[in-house]
């Protein structure tokens, strides 16, 4: 597996562990809807939260949150719509972004943006 894939998987695990510590319940990881995917689907109380995880080794060139542009948001909303219909969800939903900055051998910086879009 390419190094950037390893970093991404590590970042998703860091984000999932962080959300668990905050009291979220992880209900799905890497859920696919065609070519679209949802990194983490969790419950925050009774709210279904679709979490996009962005991992970067540093912020030298760009902030991880800047990687969530219009097209990415559109794809996430389409995948979430499919998930809501597939699971027959009839409640509140929210989109969060968790940015993980660092490397596998060091303590990461975590930024959690609730209700990001």
PDB file of N, CA and C in Angstrom:
ATOM      1  N   UNK A   1       0.851  -1.177   0.000  1.00  0.00           N
ATOM      2  CA  UNK A   1       0.000   0.000   0.000  1.00  0.00           C
ATOM      3  C   UNK A   1       0.893   1.236   0.000  1.00  0.00           C
ATOM      4  N   UNK A   2       0.498   2.250  -0.747  1.00  0.00           N
ATOM      5  CA  UNK A   2       1.271   3.481  -0.823  1.00  0.00           C
ATOM      6  C   UNK A   2       1.306   4.177   0.535  1.00  0.00           C
ATOM      7  N   UNK A   3       2.375   4.938   0.746  1.00  0.00           N
ATOM      8  CA  UNK A   3       2.558   5.620   2.027  1.00  0.00           C
ATOM      9  C   UNK A   3       1.400   6.557   2.355  1.00  0.00           C
ATOM     10  N   UNK A   4       0.876   7.278   1.336  1.00  0.00           N
ATOM     11  CA  UNK A   4      -0.249   8.187   1.603  1.00  0.00           C
ATOM     12  C   UNK A   4      -1.503   7.414   2.002  1.00  0.00           C
ATOM     13  N   UNK A   5      -1.672   6.190   1.490  1.00  0.00           N
ATOM     14  CA  UNK A   5      -2.807   5.366   1.909  1.00  0.00           C
ATOM     15  C   UNK A   5      -2.663   4.942   3.362  1.00  0.00           C
ATOM     16  N   UNK A   6      -1.444   4.580   3.751  1.00  0.00           N
ATOM     17  CA  UNK A   6      -1.185   4.226   5.151  1.00  0.00           C
ATOM     18  C   UNK A   6      -1.498   5.407   6.062  1.00  0.00           C
ATOM     19  N   UNK A   7      -1.068   6.601   5.653  1.00  0.00           N
ATOM     20  CA  UNK A   7      -1.319   7.805   6.447  1.00  0.00           C
ATOM     21  C   UNK A   7      -2.820   8.054   6.555  1.00  0.00           C
ATOM     22  N   UNK A   8      -3.545   7.874   5.459  1.00  0.00           N
ATOM     23  CA  UNK A   8      -4.989   8.078   5.476  1.00  0.00           C
ATOM     24  C   UNK A   8      -5.707   7.101   6.388  1.00  0.00           C
ATOM     25  N   UNK A   9      -5.330   5.840   6.329  1.00  0.00           N
ATOM     26  CA  UNK A   9      -5.948   4.826   7.207  1.00  0.00           C
ATOM     27  C   UNK A   9      -5.623   5.129   8.663  1.00  0.00           C
ATOM     28  N   UNK A  10      -4.393   5.526   8.926  1.00  0.00           N
ATOM     29  CA  UNK A  10      -3.998   5.905  10.283  1.00  0.00           C
ATOM     30  C   UNK A  10      -4.837   7.088  10.759  1.00  0.00           C
ATOM     31  N   UNK A  11      -5.009   8.095   9.903  1.00  0.00           N
ATOM     32  CA  UNK A  11      -5.796   9.272  10.256  1.00  0.00           C
ATOM     33  C   UNK A  11      -7.244   8.921  10.557  1.00  0.00           C
ATOM     34  N   UNK A  12      -7.817   8.008   9.780  1.00  0.00           N
ATOM     35  CA  UNK A  12      -9.196   7.588  10.043  1.00  0.00           C
ATOM     36  C   UNK A  12      -9.308   6.868  11.382  1.00  0.00           C
ATOM     37  N   UNK A  13      -8.300   6.079  11.727  1.00  0.00           N
ATOM     38  CA  UNK A  13      -8.322   5.395  13.029  1.00  0.00           C
ATOM     39  C   UNK A  13      -8.171   6.398  14.170  1.00  0.00           C
ATOM     40  N   UNK A  14      -7.281   7.370  13.994  1.00  0.00           N
ATOM     41  CA  UNK A  14      -7.112   8.430  14.997  1.00  0.00           C
ATOM     42  C   UNK A  14      -8.438   9.172  15.184  1.00  0.00           C
ATOM     43  N   UNK A  15      -9.103   9.506  14.084  1.00  0.00           N
ATOM     44  CA  UNK A  15     -10.381  10.222  14.156  1.00  0.00           C
ATOM     45  C   UNK A  15     -11.445   9.379  14.852  1.00  0.00           C
ATOM     46  N   UNK A  16     -11.518   8.089  14.518  1.00  0.00           N
ATOM     47  CA  UNK A  16     -12.507   7.206  15.149  1.00  0.00           C
ATOM     48  C   UNK A  16     -12.252   7.103  16.651  1.00  0.00           C
ATOM     49  N   UNK A  17     -11.001   6.934  17.040  1.00  0.00           N
ATOM     50  CA  UNK A  17     -10.664   6.863  18.472  1.00  0.00           C
ATOM     51  C   UNK A  17     -11.034   8.162  19.184  1.00  0.00           C
ATOM     52  N   UNK A  18     -10.758   9.288  18.544  1.00  0.00           N
ATOM     53  CA  UNK A  18     -11.092  10.604  19.097  1.00  0.00           C
ATOM     54  C   UNK A  18     -12.608  10.724  19.310  1.00  0.00           C
ATOM     55  N   UNK A  19     -13.379  10.326  18.303  1.00  0.00           N
ATOM     56  CA  UNK A  19     -14.840  10.416  18.417  1.00  0.00           C
ATOM     57  C   UNK A  19     -15.366   9.499  19.516  1.00  0.00           C
ATOM     58  N   UNK A  20     -14.803   8.311  19.626  1.00  0.00           N
ATOM     59  CA  UNK A  20     -15.207   7.399  20.706  1.00  0.00           C
ATOM     60  C   UNK A  20     -14.947   8.017  22.077  1.00  0.00           C
ATOM     61  N   UNK A  21     -13.798   8.656  22.228  1.00  0.00           N
ATOM     62  CA  UNK A  21     -13.469   9.323  23.507  1.00  0.00           C
ATOM     63  C   UNK A  21     -14.444  10.450  23.807  1.00  0.00           C
ATOM     64  N   UNK A  22     -14.986  11.079  22.771  1.00  0.00           N
ATOM     65  CA  UNK A  22     -15.965  12.159  22.955  1.00  0.00           C
ATOM     66  C   UNK A  22     -17.375  11.633  23.190  1.00  0.00           C
ATOM     67  N   UNK A  23     -17.549  10.303  23.174  1.00  0.00           N
ATOM     68  CA  UNK A  23     -18.849   9.726  23.449  1.00  0.00           C
ATOM     69  C   UNK A  23     -19.674   9.365  22.227  1.00  0.00           C
ATOM     70  N   UNK A  24     -19.114   9.511  21.056  1.00  0.00           N
ATOM     71  CA  UNK A  24     -19.822   9.115  19.843  1.00  0.00           C
ATOM     72  C   UNK A  24     -19.837   7.589  19.755  1.00  0.00           C
ATOM     73  N   UNK A  25     -20.828   7.062  19.056  1.00  0.00           N
ATOM     74  CA  UNK A  25     -20.885   5.639  18.758  1.00  0.00           C
ATOM     75  C   UNK A  25     -20.636   5.478  17.259  1.00  0.00           C
ATOM     76  N   UNK A  26     -19.585   4.751  16.902  1.00  0.00           N
ATOM     77  CA  UNK A  26     -19.277   4.519  15.495  1.00  0.00           C
ATOM     78  C   UNK A  26     -20.197   3.416  14.983  1.00  0.00           C
ATOM     79  N   UNK A  27     -20.951   3.708  13.926  1.00  0.00           N
ATOM     80  CA  UNK A  27     -21.861   2.683  13.395  1.00  0.00           C
ATOM     81  C   UNK A  27     -21.410   2.146  12.035  1.00  0.00           C
ATOM     82  N   UNK A  28     -20.616   2.880  11.310  1.00  0.00           N
ATOM     83  CA  UNK A  28     -20.079   2.423  10.016  1.00  0.00           C
ATOM     84  C   UNK A  28     -18.730   3.102   9.777  1.00  0.00           C
ATOM     85  N   UNK A  29     -17.878   2.385   9.042  1.00  0.00           N
ATOM     86  CA  UNK A  29     -16.617   2.984   8.569  1.00  0.00           C
ATOM     87  C   UNK A  29     -16.433   2.610   7.114  1.00  0.00           C
ATOM     88  N   UNK A  30     -15.964   3.556   6.336  1.00  0.00           N
ATOM     89  CA  UNK A  30     -15.690   3.343   4.907  1.00  0.00           C
ATOM     90  C   UNK A  30     -16.899   2.792   4.155  1.00  0.00           C
ATOM     91  N   UNK A  31     -18.045   3.409   4.376  1.00  0.00           N
ATOM     92  CA  UNK A  31     -19.280   2.974   3.713  1.00  0.00           C
ATOM     93  C   UNK A  31     -19.265   3.471   2.274  1.00  0.00           C
ATOM     94  N   UNK A  32     -19.539   2.591   1.336  1.00  0.00           N
ATOM     95  CA  UNK A  32     -19.467   2.917  -0.091  1.00  0.00           C
ATOM     96  C   UNK A  32     -20.851   3.081  -0.696  1.00  0.00           C
ATOM     97  N   UNK A  33     -20.948   4.074  -1.566  1.00  0.00           N
ATOM     98  CA  UNK A  33     -22.135   4.299  -2.386  1.00  0.00           C
ATOM     99  C   UNK A  33     -21.623   4.540  -3.804  1.00  0.00           C
ATOM    100  N   UNK A  34     -21.484   3.475  -4.580  1.00  0.00           N
ATOM    101  CA  UNK A  34     -20.870   3.601  -5.899  1.00  0.00           C
ATOM    102  C   UNK A  34     -19.417   4.005  -5.744  1.00  0.00           C
ATOM    103  N   UNK A  35     -19.023   5.068  -6.424  1.00  0.00           N
ATOM    104  CA  UNK A  35     -17.637   5.546  -6.306  1.00  0.00           C
ATOM    105  C   UNK A  35     -17.460   6.550  -5.160  1.00  0.00           C
ATOM    106  N   UNK A  36     -18.528   6.838  -4.454  1.00  0.00           N
ATOM    107  CA  UNK A  36     -18.469   7.756  -3.308  1.00  0.00           C
ATOM    108  C   UNK A  36     -18.327   6.955  -2.023  1.00  0.00           C
ATOM    109  N   UNK A  37     -17.688   7.568  -1.021  1.00  0.00           N
ATOM    110  CA  UNK A  37     -17.580   6.864   0.259  1.00  0.00           C
ATOM    111  C   UNK A  37     -17.756   7.836   1.415  1.00  0.00           C
ATOM    112  N   UNK A  38     -18.171   7.276   2.529  1.00  0.00           N
ATOM    113  CA  UNK A  38     -18.308   8.021   3.775  1.00  0.00           C
ATOM    114  C   UNK A  38     -17.298   7.423   4.747  1.00  0.00           C
ATOM    115  N   UNK A  39     -16.377   8.250   5.229  1.00  0.00           N
ATOM    116  CA  UNK A  39     -15.291   7.754   6.076  1.00  0.00           C
ATOM    117  C   UNK A  39     -15.817   7.140   7.365  1.00  0.00           C
ATOM    118  N   UNK A  40     -16.597   7.920   8.113  1.00  0.00           N
ATOM    119  CA  UNK A  40     -17.136   7.457   9.394  1.00  0.00           C
ATOM    120  C   UNK A  40     -18.584   7.916   9.499  1.00  0.00           C
ATOM    121  N   UNK A  41     -19.426   7.003   9.931  1.00  0.00           N
ATOM    122  CA  UNK A  41     -20.811   7.349  10.260  1.00  0.00           C
ATOM    123  C   UNK A  41     -20.969   7.023  11.735  1.00  0.00           C
ATOM    124  N   UNK A  42     -21.405   8.010  12.496  1.00  0.00           N
ATOM    125  CA  UNK A  42     -21.458   7.857  13.949  1.00  0.00           C
ATOM    126  C   UNK A  42     -22.760   8.425  14.490  1.00  0.00           C
ATOM    127  N   UNK A  43     -23.028   8.071  15.725  1.00  0.00           N
ATOM    128  CA  UNK A  43     -24.149   8.662  16.451  1.00  0.00           C
ATOM    129  C   UNK A  43     -23.597   9.591  17.525  1.00  0.00           C
ATOM    130  N   UNK A  44     -24.116  10.805  17.550  1.00  0.00           N
ATOM    131  CA  UNK A  44     -23.844  11.762  18.620  1.00  0.00           C
ATOM    132  C   UNK A  44     -25.190  11.978  19.296  1.00  0.00           C
ATOM    133  N   UNK A  45     -25.436  11.165  20.332  1.00  0.00           N
ATOM    134  CA  UNK A  45     -26.775  11.136  20.911  1.00  0.00           C
ATOM    135  C   UNK A  45     -27.695  10.475  19.907  1.00  0.00           C
ATOM    136  N   UNK A  46     -28.723  11.209  19.472  1.00  0.00           N
ATOM    137  CA  UNK A  46     -29.632  10.644  18.473  1.00  0.00           C
ATOM    138  C   UNK A  46     -29.424  11.249  17.085  1.00  0.00           C
ATOM    139  N   UNK A  47     -28.331  11.966  16.894  1.00  0.00           N
ATOM    140  CA  UNK A  47     -28.006  12.576  15.606  1.00  0.00           C
ATOM    141  C   UNK A  47     -27.050  11.661  14.844  1.00  0.00           C
ATOM    142  N   UNK A  48     -27.391  11.354  13.600  1.00  0.00           N
ATOM    143  CA  UNK A  48     -26.485  10.598  12.730  1.00  0.00           C
ATOM    144  C   UNK A  48     -25.485  11.592  12.147  1.00  0.00           C
ATOM    145  N   UNK A  49     -24.203  11.315  12.364  1.00  0.00           N
ATOM    146  CA  UNK A  49     -23.150  12.233  11.941  1.00  0.00           C
ATOM    147  C   UNK A  49     -22.303  11.569  10.860  1.00  0.00           C
ATOM    148  N   UNK A  50     -22.212  12.230   9.719  1.00  0.00           N
ATOM    149  CA  UNK A  50     -21.349  11.781   8.628  1.00  0.00           C
ATOM    150  C   UNK A  50     -20.041  12.556   8.762  1.00  0.00           C
ATOM    151  N   UNK A  51     -18.960  11.822   8.994  1.00  0.00           N
ATOM    152  CA  UNK A  51     -17.681  12.451   9.304  1.00  0.00           C
ATOM    153  C   UNK A  51     -16.713  12.243   8.154  1.00  0.00           C
ATOM    154  N   UNK A  52     -16.253  13.331   7.585  1.00  0.00           N
ATOM    155  CA  UNK A  52     -15.188  13.294   6.582  1.00  0.00           C
ATOM    156  C   UNK A  52     -13.872  13.510   7.308  1.00  0.00           C
ATOM    157  N   UNK A  53     -12.925  12.598   7.087  1.00  0.00           N
ATOM    158  CA  UNK A  53     -11.623  12.681   7.742  1.00  0.00           C
ATOM    159  C   UNK A  53     -10.599  13.138   6.712  1.00  0.00           C
ATOM    160  N   UNK A  54      -9.852  14.159   7.063  1.00  0.00           N
ATOM    161  CA  UNK A  54      -8.766  14.637   6.219  1.00  0.00           C
ATOM    162  C   UNK A  54      -7.474  14.530   7.018  1.00  0.00           C
ATOM    163  N   UNK A  55      -6.511  13.833   6.442  1.00  0.00           N
ATOM    164  CA  UNK A  55      -5.239  13.599   7.124  1.00  0.00           C
ATOM    165  C   UNK A  55      -4.110  14.195   6.299  1.00  0.00           C
ATOM    166  N   UNK A  56      -3.235  14.909   6.952  1.00  0.00           N
ATOM    167  CA  UNK A  56      -2.047  15.476   6.323  1.00  0.00           C
ATOM    168  C   UNK A  56      -0.873  15.294   7.277  1.00  0.00           C
ATOM    169  N   UNK A  57       0.300  15.111   6.718  1.00  0.00           N
ATOM    170  CA  UNK A  57       1.481  14.963   7.574  1.00  0.00           C
ATOM    171  C   UNK A  57       1.898  16.302   8.172  1.00  0.00           C
ATOM    172  N   UNK A  58       1.567  17.404   7.466  1.00  0.00           N
ATOM    173  CA  UNK A  58       1.850  18.743   7.995  1.00  0.00           C
ATOM    174  C   UNK A  58       0.938  19.740   7.301  1.00  0.00           C
ATOM    175  N   UNK A  59       0.980  20.967   7.747  1.00  0.00           N
ATOM    176  CA  UNK A  59       0.154  22.033   7.163  1.00  0.00           C
ATOM    177  C   UNK A  59       0.979  22.965   6.287  1.00  0.00           C
ATOM    178  N   UNK A  60       2.126  22.477   5.833  1.00  0.00           N
ATOM    179  CA  UNK A  60       3.040  23.322   5.079  1.00  0.00           C
ATOM    180  C   UNK A  60       2.407  23.863   3.788  1.00  0.00           C
ATOM    181  N   UNK A  61       1.699  23.023   3.046  1.00  0.00           N
ATOM    182  CA  UNK A  61       1.167  23.445   1.760  1.00  0.00           C
ATOM    183  C   UNK A  61      -0.308  23.806   1.805  1.00  0.00           C
ATOM    184  N   UNK A  62      -1.061  23.127   2.676  1.00  0.00           N
ATOM    185  CA  UNK A  62      -2.490  23.412   2.744  1.00  0.00           C
ATOM    186  C   UNK A  62      -3.055  22.908   4.062  1.00  0.00           C
ATOM    187  N   UNK A  63      -4.089  23.546   4.503  1.00  0.00           N
ATOM    188  CA  UNK A  63      -4.814  23.093   5.682  1.00  0.00           C
ATOM    189  C   UNK A  63      -5.699  21.933   5.252  1.00  0.00           C
ATOM    190  N   UNK A  64      -5.774  20.870   6.027  1.00  0.00           N
ATOM    191  CA  UNK A  64      -6.591  19.721   5.607  1.00  0.00           C
ATOM    192  C   UNK A  64      -8.041  20.069   5.303  1.00  0.00           C
ATOM    193  N   UNK A  65      -8.623  20.997   6.043  1.00  0.00           N
ATOM    194  CA  UNK A  65     -10.030  21.341   5.822  1.00  0.00           C
ATOM    195  C   UNK A  65     -10.234  21.971   4.444  1.00  0.00           C
ATOM    196  N   UNK A  66      -9.187  22.575   3.882  1.00  0.00           N
ATOM    197  CA  UNK A  66      -9.302  23.182   2.561  1.00  0.00           C
ATOM    198  C   UNK A  66      -9.487  22.137   1.466  1.00  0.00           C
ATOM    199  N   UNK A  67      -9.218  20.878   1.762  1.00  0.00           N
ATOM    200  CA  UNK A  67      -9.392  19.797   0.783  1.00  0.00           C
ATOM    201  C   UNK A  67     -10.854  19.394   0.632  1.00  0.00           C
ATOM    202  N   UNK A  68     -11.731  19.963   1.448  1.00  0.00           N
ATOM    203  CA  UNK A  68     -13.164  19.655   1.350  1.00  0.00           C
ATOM    204  C   UNK A  68     -13.833  20.805   0.604  1.00  0.00           C
ATOM    205  N   UNK A  69     -13.789  20.698  -0.713  1.00  0.00           N
ATOM    206  CA  UNK A  69     -14.363  21.728  -1.570  1.00  0.00           C
ATOM    207  C   UNK A  69     -15.772  21.385  -2.012  1.00  0.00           C
ATOM    208  N   UNK A  70     -16.273  22.158  -2.957  1.00  0.00           N
ATOM    209  CA  UNK A  70     -17.647  22.013  -3.425  1.00  0.00           C
ATOM    210  C   UNK A  70     -17.936  20.599  -3.908  1.00  0.00           C
ATOM    211  N   UNK A  71     -17.078  20.054  -4.767  1.00  0.00           N
ATOM    212  CA  UNK A  71     -17.338  18.733  -5.341  1.00  0.00           C
ATOM    213  C   UNK A  71     -17.336  17.658  -4.267  1.00  0.00           C
ATOM    214  N   UNK A  72     -16.405  17.747  -3.319  1.00  0.00           N
ATOM    215  CA  UNK A  72     -16.347  16.771  -2.229  1.00  0.00           C
ATOM    216  C   UNK A  72     -17.618  16.859  -1.386  1.00  0.00           C
ATOM    217  N   UNK A  73     -18.049  18.065  -1.068  1.00  0.00           N
ATOM    218  CA  UNK A  73     -19.273  18.250  -0.282  1.00  0.00           C
ATOM    219  C   UNK A  73     -20.466  17.647  -1.031  1.00  0.00           C
ATOM    220  N   UNK A  74     -20.549  17.902  -2.321  1.00  0.00           N
ATOM    221  CA  UNK A  74     -21.633  17.350  -3.139  1.00  0.00           C
ATOM    222  C   UNK A  74     -21.620  15.818  -3.081  1.00  0.00           C
ATOM    223  N   UNK A  75     -20.443  15.215  -3.245  1.00  0.00           N
ATOM    224  CA  UNK A  75     -20.332  13.754  -3.196  1.00  0.00           C
ATOM    225  C   UNK A  75     -20.724  13.201  -1.826  1.00  0.00           C
ATOM    226  N   UNK A  76     -20.299  13.875  -0.771  1.00  0.00           N
ATOM    227  CA  UNK A  76     -20.655  13.437   0.577  1.00  0.00           C
ATOM    228  C   UNK A  76     -22.165  13.512   0.794  1.00  0.00           C
ATOM    229  N   UNK A  77     -22.776  14.580   0.325  1.00  0.00           N
ATOM    230  CA  UNK A  77     -24.219  14.724   0.477  1.00  0.00           C
ATOM    231  C   UNK A  77     -24.967  13.660  -0.311  1.00  0.00           C
ATOM    232  N   UNK A  78     -24.488  13.330  -1.499  1.00  0.00           N
ATOM    233  CA  UNK A  78     -25.122  12.282  -2.307  1.00  0.00           C
ATOM    234  C   UNK A  78     -25.003  10.925  -1.619  1.00  0.00           C
ATOM    235  N   UNK A  79     -23.812  10.612  -1.116  1.00  0.00           N
ATOM    236  CA  UNK A  79     -23.607   9.336  -0.423  1.00  0.00           C
ATOM    237  C   UNK A  79     -24.450   9.274   0.848  1.00  0.00           C
ATOM    238  N   UNK A  80     -24.509  10.377   1.584  1.00  0.00           N
ATOM    239  CA  UNK A  80     -25.313  10.408   2.814  1.00  0.00           C
ATOM    240  C   UNK A  80     -26.795  10.226   2.487  1.00  0.00           C
ATOM    241  N   UNK A  81     -27.251  10.842   1.423  1.00  0.00           N
ATOM    242  CA  UNK A  81     -28.645  10.684   1.003  1.00  0.00           C
ATOM    243  C   UNK A  81     -28.950   9.205   0.721  1.00  0.00           C
ATOM    244  N   UNK A  82     -28.040   8.542   0.036  1.00  0.00           N
ATOM    245  CA  UNK A  82     -28.206   7.115  -0.247  1.00  0.00           C
ATOM    246  C   UNK A  82     -28.237   6.323   1.065  1.00  0.00           C
ATOM    247  N   UNK A  83     -27.327   6.646   1.976  1.00  0.00           N
ATOM    248  CA  UNK A  83     -27.268   5.940   3.258  1.00  0.00           C
ATOM    249  C   UNK A  83     -28.571   6.124   4.047  1.00  0.00           C
ATOM    250  N   UNK A  84     -29.076   7.336   4.096  1.00  0.00           N
ATOM    251  CA  UNK A  84     -30.311   7.636   4.837  1.00  0.00           C
ATOM    252  C   UNK A  84     -31.473   6.825   4.265  1.00  0.00           C
ATOM    253  N   UNK A  85     -31.555   6.760   2.961  1.00  0.00           N
ATOM    254  CA  UNK A  85     -32.629   5.978   2.333  1.00  0.00           C
ATOM    255  C   UNK A  85     -32.420   4.484   2.556  1.00  0.00           C
ATOM    256  N   UNK A  86     -31.185   4.023   2.414  1.00  0.00           N
ATOM    257  CA  UNK A  86     -30.859   2.603   2.562  1.00  0.00           C
ATOM    258  C   UNK A  86     -31.151   2.100   3.981  1.00  0.00           C
ATOM    259  N   UNK A  87     -30.832   2.909   4.985  1.00  0.00           N
ATOM    260  CA  UNK A  87     -31.018   2.532   6.392  1.00  0.00           C
ATOM    261  C   UNK A  87     -32.344   3.032   6.971  1.00  0.00           C
ATOM    262  N   UNK A  88     -33.154   3.705   6.149  1.00  0.00           N
ATOM    263  CA  UNK A  88     -34.465   4.219   6.582  1.00  0.00           C
ATOM    264  C   UNK A  88     -34.334   5.124   7.812  1.00  0.00           C
ATOM    265  N   UNK A  89     -33.428   6.053   7.730  1.00  0.00           N
ATOM    266  CA  UNK A  89     -33.187   6.990   8.834  1.00  0.00           C
ATOM    267  C   UNK A  89     -34.208   8.116   8.759  1.00  0.00           C
ATOM    268  N   UNK A  90     -34.858   8.359   9.882  1.00  0.00           N
ATOM    269  CA  UNK A  90     -35.875   9.399   9.949  1.00  0.00           C
ATOM    270  C   UNK A  90     -35.586  10.279  11.160  1.00  0.00           C
ATOM    271  N   UNK A  91     -34.435  10.908  11.128  1.00  0.00           N
ATOM    272  CA  UNK A  91     -34.046  11.763  12.245  1.00  0.00           C
ATOM    273  C   UNK A  91     -33.047  12.797  11.773  1.00  0.00           C
ATOM    274  N   UNK A  92     -32.455  13.471  12.712  1.00  0.00           N
ATOM    275  CA  UNK A  92     -31.499  14.526  12.396  1.00  0.00           C
ATOM    276  C   UNK A  92     -30.179  13.932  11.913  1.00  0.00           C
ATOM    277  N   UNK A  93     -29.557  14.636  10.957  1.00  0.00           N
ATOM    278  CA  UNK A  93     -28.226  14.272  10.483  1.00  0.00           C
ATOM    279  C   UNK A  93     -27.341  15.513  10.536  1.00  0.00           C
ATOM    280  N   UNK A  94     -26.035  15.262  10.476  1.00  0.00           N
ATOM    281  CA  UNK A  94     -25.071  16.367  10.529  1.00  0.00           C
ATOM    282  C   UNK A  94     -23.820  15.927   9.782  1.00  0.00           C
ATOM    283  N   UNK A  95     -23.104  16.892   9.234  1.00  0.00           N
ATOM    284  CA  UNK A  95     -21.835  16.629   8.569  1.00  0.00           C
ATOM    285  C   UNK A  95     -20.712  17.285   9.365  1.00  0.00           C
ATOM    286  N   UNK A  96     -19.755  16.485   9.780  1.00  0.00           N
ATOM    287  CA  UNK A  96     -18.583  16.983  10.502  1.00  0.00           C
ATOM    288  C   UNK A  96     -17.332  16.710   9.675  1.00  0.00           C
ATOM    289  N   UNK A  97     -16.293  17.460   9.956  1.00  0.00           N
ATOM    290  CA  UNK A  97     -14.972  17.195   9.394  1.00  0.00           C
ATOM    291  C   UNK A  97     -14.014  17.020  10.566  1.00  0.00           C
ATOM    292  N   UNK A  98     -13.202  15.973  10.518  1.00  0.00           N
ATOM    293  CA  UNK A  98     -12.129  15.800  11.481  1.00  0.00           C
ATOM    294  C   UNK A  98     -10.816  15.852  10.712  1.00  0.00           C
ATOM    295  N   UNK A  99      -9.985  16.839  11.037  1.00  0.00           N
ATOM    296  CA  UNK A  99      -8.679  17.002  10.410  1.00  0.00           C
ATOM    297  C   UNK A  99      -7.621  16.433  11.346  1.00  0.00           C
ATOM    298  N   UNK A 100      -6.811  15.545  10.808  1.00  0.00           N
ATOM    299  CA  UNK A 100      -5.726  14.938  11.573  1.00  0.00           C
ATOM    300  C   UNK A 100      -4.425  15.358  10.901  1.00  0.00           C
ATOM    301  N   UNK A 101      -3.564  16.028  11.653  1.00  0.00           N
ATOM    302  CA  UNK A 101      -2.287  16.472  11.117  1.00  0.00           C
ATOM    303  C   UNK A 101      -1.174  15.864  11.953  1.00  0.00           C
ATOM    304  N   UNK A 102      -0.245  15.190  11.294  1.00  0.00           N
ATOM    305  CA  UNK A 102       0.879  14.580  11.987  1.00  0.00           C
ATOM    306  C   UNK A 102       1.339  13.331  11.271  1.00  0.00           C
ATOM    307  N   UNK A 103       2.137  12.564  11.968  1.00  0.00           N
ATOM    308  CA  UNK A 103       2.656  11.325  11.409  1.00  0.00           C
ATOM    309  C   UNK A 103       2.401  10.183  12.380  1.00  0.00           C
ATOM    310  N   UNK A 104       2.511   8.985  11.866  1.00  0.00           N
ATOM    311  CA  UNK A 104       2.190   7.795  12.624  1.00  0.00           C
ATOM    312  C   UNK A 104       3.041   7.665  13.889  1.00  0.00           C
ATOM    313  N   UNK A 105       4.258   8.193  13.856  1.00  0.00           N
ATOM    314  CA  UNK A 105       5.177   8.035  14.989  1.00  0.00           C
ATOM    315  C   UNK A 105       5.162   9.211  15.966  1.00  0.00           C
ATOM    316  N   UNK A 106       4.181  10.101  15.856  1.00  0.00           N
ATOM    317  CA  UNK A 106       4.112  11.262  16.746  1.00  0.00           C
ATOM    318  C   UNK A 106       2.658  11.540  17.121  1.00  0.00           C
ATOM    319  N   UNK A 107       2.467  12.307  18.184  1.00  0.00           N
ATOM    320  CA  UNK A 107       1.124  12.682  18.632  1.00  0.00           C
ATOM    321  C   UNK A 107       0.496  13.617  17.600  1.00  0.00           C
ATOM    322  N   UNK A 108      -0.674  13.268  17.050  1.00  0.00           N
ATOM    323  CA  UNK A 108      -1.280  14.100  16.016  1.00  0.00           C
ATOM    324  C   UNK A 108      -2.025  15.298  16.585  1.00  0.00           C
ATOM    325  N   UNK A 109      -2.208  16.282  15.748  1.00  0.00           N
ATOM    326  CA  UNK A 109      -3.082  17.413  16.052  1.00  0.00           C
ATOM    327  C   UNK A 109      -4.443  17.079  15.456  1.00  0.00           C
ATOM    328  N   UNK A 110      -5.505  17.244  16.231  1.00  0.00           N
ATOM    329  CA  UNK A 110      -6.855  16.914  15.776  1.00  0.00           C
ATOM    330  C   UNK A 110      -7.722  18.162  15.855  1.00  0.00           C
ATOM    331  N   UNK A 111      -8.386  18.459  14.758  1.00  0.00           N
ATOM    332  CA  UNK A 111      -9.336  19.568  14.703  1.00  0.00           C
ATOM    333  C   UNK A 111     -10.683  18.997  14.293  1.00  0.00           C
ATOM    334  N   UNK A 112     -11.706  19.211  15.112  1.00  0.00           N
ATOM    335  CA  UNK A 112     -13.044  18.673  14.843  1.00  0.00           C
ATOM    336  C   UNK A 112     -13.974  19.838  14.546  1.00  0.00           C
ATOM    337  N   UNK A 113     -14.514  19.853  13.344  1.00  0.00           N
ATOM    338  CA  UNK A 113     -15.441  20.899  12.941  1.00  0.00           C
ATOM    339  C   UNK A 113     -16.826  20.278  12.868  1.00  0.00           C
ATOM    340  N   UNK A 114     -17.653  20.598  13.851  1.00  0.00           N
ATOM    341  CA  UNK A 114     -19.020  20.073  13.883  1.00  0.00           C
ATOM    342  C   UNK A 114     -19.916  20.906  12.989  1.00  0.00           C
ATOM    343  N   UNK A 115     -20.881  20.244  12.354  1.00  0.00           N
ATOM    344  CA  UNK A 115     -21.843  20.908  11.485  1.00  0.00           C
ATOM    345  C   UNK A 115     -21.108  21.764  10.455  1.00  0.00           C
ATOM    346  N   UNK A 116     -20.158  21.132   9.762  1.00  0.00           N
ATOM    347  CA  UNK A 116     -19.247  21.842   8.856  1.00  0.00           C
ATOM    348  C   UNK A 116     -19.934  22.414   7.619  1.00  0.00           C
ATOM    349  N   UNK A 117     -20.992  21.757   7.174  1.00  0.00           N
ATOM    350  CA  UNK A 117     -21.724  22.245   5.992  1.00  0.00           C
ATOM    351  C   UNK A 117     -23.125  21.668   5.988  1.00  0.00           C
TER     352      UNK A 117
END
